[in-house]
Amino acid sequence: LSMKNRRQYMYSDKAEVSELRVSVYRDATDTRYPHDITQADISRRHLFRGALWTTGMMYWGSGSASIASEMPIGRTKSLSGRLVDQVEPDEKETYAEAQNVFEPGATTQKRILWVGSGDMRRGVSANLFQAGNEVIAVDLIRPDAKDIHAATRHATEYGYDLRFVRGDATKLKFKDETFDVVVSSMFLCQDFDPEVVVSEIRRVLKPGGRFGFYEHVEDIDKVIIDKVFGEQSVIRVQAHPEQTNVIAGIVMKV
């Protein structure tokens, strides 16, 4: 592929560009809405990722074809080098599997922490949460009252409880072992140490609880698994580098 075509390949998916804009918008210091953010606002991390694609470091270029051909069927390698399921991640399905947790003696209602919820509109409209559960949304910036009202009303209509708590993900204001499930989407790319945030997520999870992540930092599994949760915690990790820059997975607190 020519450099021009590789760039077109990387940015041909409008949804991916939208996700990049969302990640910039959700910086706690940036109060703009996604439609006000231009391509020039995309962070250095995304530009660096673009350089990886255009220089052929991800499954094309020198030696890449032989590496890909040696992969087991249905498997691929994440940017961190981990062998993962070769599946284009689906956010709703990832959240559903994360909520499919069973703890001996637990009630049917699960307590879920939604980290980096933003204005909550997209998450609730995508029906990411199951009926019967309690969802606590946390973000550094409090949404407008109308957004909170609309989101909580939608949640009630779909059979689950939702409330917003303003908070800092690097210092979660919850006791140890409070939640059955923690989830986040397109959040761990922001200007904080992701290891600190993931450590806080693990702290507030109950033993046996699950963390479901859907992120566009392709090597975030290195932080989540290698540095915090451990290899034995992995339920699954999914990626498809040839099609998308998203990596998703579920880990369990053991």
Protein backbone atom coordinates (compact mmCIF):
# COMPACT_ATOMS: atom_id res chain seq x y z
CA LEU A 1 0.00 0.00 0.00
CA SER A 2 1.15 3.54 -0.67
CA MET A 3 1.43 5.94 2.24
CA LYS A 4 -1.64 7.77 0.92
CA ASN A 5 -3.69 4.57 0.79
CA ARG A 6 -2.57 3.53 4.27
CA ARG A 7 -3.72 6.83 5.67
CA GLN A 8 -7.03 6.39 3.89
CA TYR A 9 -7.29 2.88 5.34
CA MET A 10 -6.66 4.13 8.84
CA TYR A 11 -9.22 6.93 8.73
CA SER A 12 -11.82 5.51 6.34
CA ASP A 13 -14.02 4.39 9.22
CA LYS A 14 -15.94 7.49 10.31
CA ALA A 15 -16.89 5.83 13.58
CA GLU A 16 -13.21 5.47 14.50
CA VAL A 17 -12.55 9.16 13.87
CA SER A 18 -15.60 9.92 16.01
CA GLU A 19 -14.13 7.80 18.81
CA LEU A 20 -10.88 9.75 18.57
CA ARG A 21 -12.83 12.99 18.86
CA VAL A 22 -14.69 11.66 21.88
CA SER A 23 -11.42 10.78 23.61
CA VAL A 24 -10.20 14.34 23.10
CA TYR A 25 -13.53 15.80 24.23
CA ARG A 26 -13.52 13.72 27.40
CA ASP A 27 -10.27 15.23 28.64
CA ALA A 28 -11.34 16.74 31.96
CA THR A 29 -9.88 20.12 30.99
CA ASP A 30 -11.74 20.33 27.66
CA THR A 31 -15.34 21.51 27.75
CA ARG A 32 -15.97 21.38 23.99
CA TYR A 33 -18.49 19.10 22.38
CA PRO A 34 -17.25 16.47 19.89
CA HIS A 35 -18.57 18.36 16.84
CA ASP A 36 -16.40 21.36 17.80
CA ILE A 37 -13.20 19.30 17.74
CA THR A 38 -11.19 19.11 14.53
CA GLN A 39 -8.84 16.44 13.25
CA ALA A 40 -5.95 18.66 14.37
CA ASP A 41 -7.03 18.15 17.97
CA ILE A 42 -6.26 14.44 17.94
CA SER A 43 -3.64 13.64 20.57
CA ARG A 44 -0.03 12.72 19.95
CA ARG A 45 -0.86 9.17 20.91
CA HIS A 46 -3.22 8.88 17.97
CA LEU A 47 -0.69 10.47 15.62
CA PHE A 48 1.93 8.00 16.82
CA ARG A 49 -0.49 5.17 16.20
CA GLY A 50 -1.01 6.51 12.68
CA ALA A 51 2.73 6.41 12.15
CA LEU A 52 2.75 2.74 13.13
CA TRP A 53 0.14 1.95 10.52
CA THR A 54 1.81 3.94 7.73
CA THR A 55 5.29 2.55 8.39
CA GLY A 56 4.02 -1.02 8.16
CA MET A 57 4.65 -2.07 11.75
CA MET A 58 1.22 -3.65 12.11
CA TYR A 59 0.84 -6.73 9.90
CA TRP A 60 2.39 -5.40 6.72
CA GLY A 61 5.87 -4.40 5.69
CA SER A 62 9.09 -6.29 6.23
CA GLY A 63 8.45 -9.78 7.57
CA SER A 64 4.87 -9.06 8.63
CA ALA A 65 3.18 -11.53 6.27
CA SER A 66 5.10 -14.47 7.71
CA ILE A 67 4.26 -13.39 11.26
CA ALA A 68 0.56 -13.19 10.44
CA SER A 69 0.60 -16.57 8.67
CA GLU A 70 2.11 -18.27 11.73
CA MET A 71 -0.76 -17.16 13.97
CA PRO A 72 -3.16 -19.86 15.21
CA ILE A 73 -6.53 -19.70 13.48
CA GLY A 74 -8.78 -17.17 15.19
CA ARG A 75 -5.91 -15.60 17.13
CA THR A 76 -3.74 -12.51 16.66
CA LYS A 77 -1.27 -10.44 18.66
CA SER A 78 -2.09 -7.21 20.40
CA LEU A 79 0.33 -4.29 20.16
CA SER A 80 1.79 -5.40 23.49
CA GLY A 81 2.58 -8.82 22.00
CA ARG A 82 -0.15 -10.78 23.81
CA LEU A 83 -1.91 -13.55 21.88
CA VAL A 84 -5.60 -12.58 21.84
CA ASP A 85 -8.83 -13.54 20.10
CA GLN A 86 -8.97 -12.15 16.57
CA VAL A 87 -12.41 -10.59 16.84
CA GLU A 88 -13.52 -7.06 16.10
CA PRO A 89 -14.59 -5.95 19.61
CA ASP A 90 -18.21 -5.11 20.31
CA GLU A 91 -18.82 -2.72 23.21
CA LYS A 92 -22.33 -3.89 24.07
CA GLU A 93 -21.35 -7.56 24.00
CA THR A 94 -18.26 -6.82 26.14
CA TYR A 95 -20.40 -5.08 28.76
CA ALA A 96 -22.94 -7.92 28.70
CA GLU A 97 -20.28 -10.54 29.35
CA ALA A 98 -18.74 -8.42 32.11
CA GLN A 99 -22.13 -8.31 33.82
CA ASN A 100 -22.45 -12.09 33.51
CA VAL A 101 -20.69 -12.60 36.82
CA PHE A 102 -21.72 -15.12 39.48
CA GLU A 103 -20.60 -14.87 43.07
CA PRO A 104 -21.69 -17.48 45.64
CA GLY A 105 -24.19 -15.95 48.04
CA ALA A 106 -24.63 -12.79 45.97
CA THR A 107 -28.02 -11.28 45.20
CA THR A 108 -29.34 -11.22 41.63
CA GLN A 109 -28.87 -7.44 41.53
CA LYS A 110 -25.32 -6.49 40.61
CA ARG A 111 -23.67 -3.26 41.64
CA ILE A 112 -21.84 -1.76 38.65
CA LEU A 113 -19.36 1.11 38.51
CA TRP A 114 -19.26 2.92 35.16
CA VAL A 115 -15.96 4.81 35.06
CA GLY A 116 -15.62 7.74 32.68
CA SER A 117 -19.32 7.98 31.90
CA GLY A 118 -19.16 11.44 30.29
CA ASP A 119 -22.65 12.92 29.85
CA MET A 120 -24.10 9.36 30.02
CA ARG A 121 -26.29 9.88 26.94
CA ARG A 122 -24.42 7.59 24.58
CA GLY A 123 -23.99 4.80 27.10
CA VAL A 124 -27.62 4.59 28.11
CA SER A 125 -28.93 4.96 24.55
CA ALA A 126 -26.70 2.04 23.52
CA ASN A 127 -28.40 -0.08 26.21
CA LEU A 128 -25.13 -1.22 27.76
CA PHE A 129 -26.61 -2.24 31.10
CA GLN A 130 -28.89 -5.09 32.05
CA ALA A 131 -32.22 -4.83 33.82
CA GLY A 132 -32.24 -5.38 37.57
CA ASN A 133 -28.80 -3.92 38.25
CA GLU A 134 -27.61 -0.79 40.04
CA VAL A 135 -25.26 1.40 38.00
CA ILE A 136 -23.18 4.20 39.47
CA ALA A 137 -21.67 6.52 36.85
CA VAL A 138 -18.47 8.38 37.72
CA ASP A 139 -16.80 11.22 35.87
CA LEU A 140 -14.68 14.23 36.80
CA ILE A 141 -17.14 16.61 35.12
CA ARG A 142 -20.76 16.61 36.21
CA PRO A 143 -23.20 16.40 33.27
CA ASP A 144 -25.93 18.99 32.80
CA ALA A 145 -29.02 18.40 34.91
CA LYS A 146 -31.07 17.69 31.77
CA ASP A 147 -28.59 14.99 30.68
CA ILE A 148 -28.69 13.34 34.10
CA HIS A 149 -32.48 13.46 34.11
CA ALA A 150 -32.74 12.00 30.60
CA ALA A 151 -30.23 9.23 31.36
CA THR A 152 -31.83 8.19 34.66
CA ARG A 153 -35.28 8.21 33.09
CA HIS A 154 -34.07 5.99 30.25
CA ALA A 155 -32.46 3.61 32.76
CA THR A 156 -35.70 3.36 34.73
CA GLU A 157 -37.62 2.54 31.56
CA TYR A 158 -35.15 -0.27 30.86
CA GLY A 159 -35.35 -1.67 34.37
CA TYR A 160 -32.12 -0.67 36.08
CA ASP A 161 -31.13 2.01 38.58
CA LEU A 162 -28.68 4.72 37.50
CA ARG A 163 -27.15 7.58 39.45
CA PHE A 164 -24.24 9.92 38.85
CA VAL A 165 -21.41 10.57 41.33
CA ARG A 166 -18.80 13.20 40.52
CA GLY A 167 -15.34 11.81 41.21
CA ASP A 168 -11.73 11.37 40.22
CA ALA A 169 -10.91 7.95 38.78
CA THR A 170 -7.39 8.14 40.21
CA LYS A 171 -8.89 8.39 43.72
CA LEU A 172 -12.24 6.61 43.70
CA LYS A 173 -14.37 7.54 46.69
CA PHE A 174 -15.62 4.02 47.37
CA LYS A 175 -14.58 1.42 49.91
CA ASP A 176 -12.62 -1.68 48.99
CA GLU A 177 -14.61 -4.54 47.45
CA THR A 178 -17.75 -2.49 46.76
CA PHE A 179 -18.69 -3.47 43.19
CA ASP A 180 -19.50 -6.67 41.34
CA VAL A 181 -18.59 -5.16 37.98
CA VAL A 182 -16.60 -2.16 36.70
CA VAL A 183 -16.73 -1.03 33.06
CA SER A 184 -15.10 1.71 30.99
CA SER A 185 -15.01 2.75 27.33
CA MET A 186 -12.49 4.97 25.54
CA PHE A 187 -11.35 6.33 28.89
CA LEU A 188 -7.88 5.04 29.78
CA CYS A 189 -6.23 7.17 27.07
CA GLN A 190 -6.56 10.39 29.04
CA ASP A 191 -3.91 12.47 30.78
CA PHE A 192 -3.44 10.37 33.88
CA ASP A 193 -1.40 7.30 34.73
CA PRO A 194 -3.66 4.41 33.59
CA GLU A 195 -1.99 2.05 36.04
CA VAL A 196 -3.23 4.21 38.92
CA VAL A 197 -6.80 4.15 37.57
CA VAL A 198 -6.80 0.42 36.88
CA SER A 199 -5.40 -0.23 40.37
CA GLU A 200 -8.27 1.77 41.83
CA ILE A 201 -10.71 -0.24 39.72
CA ARG A 202 -9.28 -3.48 41.07
CA ARG A 203 -9.41 -2.16 44.62
CA VAL A 204 -13.14 -1.42 44.52
CA LEU A 205 -14.02 -4.75 42.85
CA LYS A 206 -15.22 -7.62 45.00
CA PRO A 207 -13.25 -10.88 44.78
CA GLY A 208 -14.54 -12.62 41.68
CA GLY A 209 -15.79 -9.32 40.28
CA ARG A 210 -15.17 -8.40 36.66
CA PHE A 211 -13.68 -5.42 34.85
CA GLY A 212 -14.86 -4.98 31.26
CA PHE A 213 -12.88 -2.57 29.08
CA TYR A 214 -13.35 -1.24 25.55
CA GLU A 215 -10.41 0.97 24.68
CA HIS A 216 -8.47 2.37 21.73
CA VAL A 217 -5.06 2.28 23.40
CA GLU A 218 -3.94 -0.90 21.66
CA ASP A 219 -1.42 -1.93 24.33
CA ILE A 220 -3.65 -1.14 27.34
CA ASP A 221 -3.76 -4.89 28.07
CA LYS A 222 -0.14 -4.56 29.18
CA VAL A 223 -1.27 -2.21 31.96
CA ILE A 224 -4.50 -3.99 32.88
CA ILE A 225 -3.15 -7.54 32.84
CA ASP A 226 0.63 -7.41 33.21
CA LYS A 227 0.83 -4.63 35.78
CA VAL A 228 -2.41 -4.84 37.78
CA PHE A 229 -4.75 -7.85 37.45
CA GLY A 230 -2.33 -10.62 36.47
CA GLU A 231 -2.41 -13.23 33.71
CA GLN A 232 -4.59 -15.58 35.77
CA SER A 233 -7.35 -12.97 35.79
CA VAL A 234 -8.00 -13.07 32.05
CA ILE A 235 -11.42 -14.18 30.90
CA ARG A 236 -10.86 -12.96 27.38
CA VAL A 237 -9.14 -10.25 25.30
CA GLN A 238 -10.26 -9.36 21.77
CA ALA A 239 -8.61 -7.32 19.01
CA HIS A 240 -8.48 -7.17 15.23
CA PRO A 241 -5.61 -4.81 14.33
CA GLU A 242 -6.21 -5.10 10.58
CA GLN A 243 -9.73 -3.68 10.96
CA THR A 244 -9.84 -1.47 14.05
CA ASN A 245 -7.61 0.08 16.70
CA VAL A 246 -9.97 -1.01 19.50
CA ILE A 247 -9.00 -3.64 22.06
CA ALA A 248 -11.55 -5.02 24.52
CA GLY A 249 -11.57 -7.60 27.24
CA ILE A 250 -12.77 -8.87 30.58
CA VAL A 251 -10.64 -9.67 33.59
CA MET A 252 -11.62 -10.99 37.00
CA LYS A 253 -10.30 -10.07 40.42
CA VAL A 254 -8.64 -13.18 41.80
